[in-house]
C-alpha atoms as a PDB file:
ATOM      1  CA  MET A   1      -0.269  36.940 -29.403  1.00  0.00           C
ATOM      2  CA  LYS A   2      -0.766  36.663 -25.676  1.00  0.00           C
ATOM      3  CA  LEU A   3      -2.245  33.177 -26.170  1.00  0.00           C
ATOM      4  CA  LEU A   4       0.784  32.138 -28.232  1.00  0.00           C
ATOM      5  CA  HIS A   5       3.140  33.296 -25.475  1.00  0.00           C
ATOM      6  CA  LEU A   6       1.090  31.465 -22.875  1.00  0.00           C
ATOM      7  CA  VAL A   7       1.137  28.214 -24.873  1.00  0.00           C
ATOM      8  CA  LEU A   8       4.869  28.452 -25.615  1.00  0.00           C
ATOM      9  CA  GLY A   9       5.651  29.303 -22.007  1.00  0.00           C
ATOM     10  CA  THR A  10       3.681  26.305 -20.815  1.00  0.00           C
ATOM     11  CA  LEU A  11       5.268  23.915 -23.304  1.00  0.00           C
ATOM     12  CA  LEU A  12       8.847  25.119 -22.886  1.00  0.00           C
ATOM     13  CA  SER A  13       8.941  25.619 -19.124  1.00  0.00           C
ATOM     14  CA  PRO A  14      10.781  22.942 -17.135  1.00  0.00           C
ATOM     15  CA  ARG A  15       8.566  20.307 -15.589  1.00  0.00           C
ATOM     16  CA  PRO A  16       8.384  20.266 -11.795  1.00  0.00           C
ATOM     17  CA  ALA A  17      10.127  17.334 -10.162  1.00  0.00           C
ATOM     18  CA  HIS A  18       7.736  14.556  -9.201  1.00  0.00           C
ATOM     19  CA  ASP A  19       7.445  13.747  -5.537  1.00  0.00           C
ATOM     20  CA  GLN A  20       7.603   9.959  -5.404  1.00  0.00           C
ATOM     21  CA  ARG A  21       7.138   9.620  -1.670  1.00  0.00           C
ATOM     22  CA  GLY A  22       3.424   8.977  -2.188  1.00  0.00           C
ATOM     23  CA  LEU A  23       4.030   5.798  -4.152  1.00  0.00           C
ATOM     24  CA  SER A  24       6.609   4.395  -1.748  1.00  0.00           C
ATOM     25  CA  GLN A  25       4.453   5.289   1.250  1.00  0.00           C
ATOM     26  CA  SER A  26       1.464   3.541  -0.321  1.00  0.00           C
ATOM     27  CA  THR A  27       3.617   0.511  -1.039  1.00  0.00           C
ATOM     28  CA  GLU A  28       4.880   0.482   2.539  1.00  0.00           C
ATOM     29  CA  ILE A  29       1.325   0.635   3.887  1.00  0.00           C
ATOM     30  CA  ALA A  30       0.249  -2.200   1.568  1.00  0.00           C
ATOM     31  CA  ILE A  31       3.162  -4.387   2.676  1.00  0.00           C
ATOM     32  CA  LEU A  32       2.552  -3.685   6.359  1.00  0.00           C
ATOM     33  CA  THR A  33      -1.155  -4.410   5.936  1.00  0.00           C
ATOM     34  CA  GLY A  34      -0.317  -7.727   4.273  1.00  0.00           C
ATOM     35  CA  VAL A  35       2.043  -8.639   7.118  1.00  0.00           C
ATOM     36  CA  VAL A  36      -0.574  -7.802   9.748  1.00  0.00           C
ATOM     37  CA  VAL A  37      -3.218  -9.872   7.934  1.00  0.00           C
ATOM     38  CA  GLY A  38      -0.753 -12.759   7.634  1.00  0.00           C
ATOM     39  CA  ILE A  39       0.002 -12.638  11.348  1.00  0.00           C
ATOM     40  CA  ALA A  40      -3.711 -12.526  12.203  1.00  0.00           C
ATOM     41  CA  VAL A  41      -4.427 -15.546   9.977  1.00  0.00           C
ATOM     42  CA  THR A  42      -1.515 -17.470  11.503  1.00  0.00           C
ATOM     43  CA  VAL A  43      -2.639 -16.728  15.075  1.00  0.00           C
ATOM     44  CA  GLY A  44      -6.223 -17.658  14.215  1.00  0.00           C
ATOM     45  CA  ALA A  45      -5.138 -20.946  12.647  1.00  0.00           C
ATOM     46  CA  ALA A  46      -2.924 -21.770  15.637  1.00  0.00           C
ATOM     47  CA  ILE A  47      -5.767 -21.115  18.080  1.00  0.00           C
ATOM     48  CA  THR A  48      -8.145 -23.235  15.989  1.00  0.00           C
ATOM     49  CA  VAL A  49      -5.693 -26.146  15.882  1.00  0.00           C
ATOM     50  CA  TYR A  50      -5.060 -25.878  19.641  1.00  0.00           C
ATOM     51  CA  VAL A  51      -8.771 -25.785  20.535  1.00  0.00           C
ATOM     52  CA  LYS A  52      -9.648 -28.677  18.219  1.00  0.00           C
ATOM     53  CA  ALA A  53      -6.831 -30.742  19.718  1.00  0.00           C
ATOM     54  CA  ARG A  54      -8.143 -30.124  23.267  1.00  0.00           C
ATOM     55  CA  LEU A  55     -11.789 -30.941  22.508  1.00  0.00           C
ATOM     56  CA  PRO A  56     -12.956 -34.353  23.655  1.00  0.00           C
ATOM     57  CA  GLN A  57     -13.404 -36.842  20.823  1.00  0.00           C
ATOM     58  CA  PRO A  58     -16.920 -38.361  20.552  1.00  0.00           C
END
């Protein structure tokens, strides 16, 4: 009988509200990481183009 009450109490009790901050925080970190990588690639490409333009041509 105690097991029946435990099972019914578990099934019928209201579910706790989900905290969705974890998902949005992970998404924010992923977006910021992508932006930082994009900036690094852009700066690297700009430096490469600048250096190759300044090198003497054989």
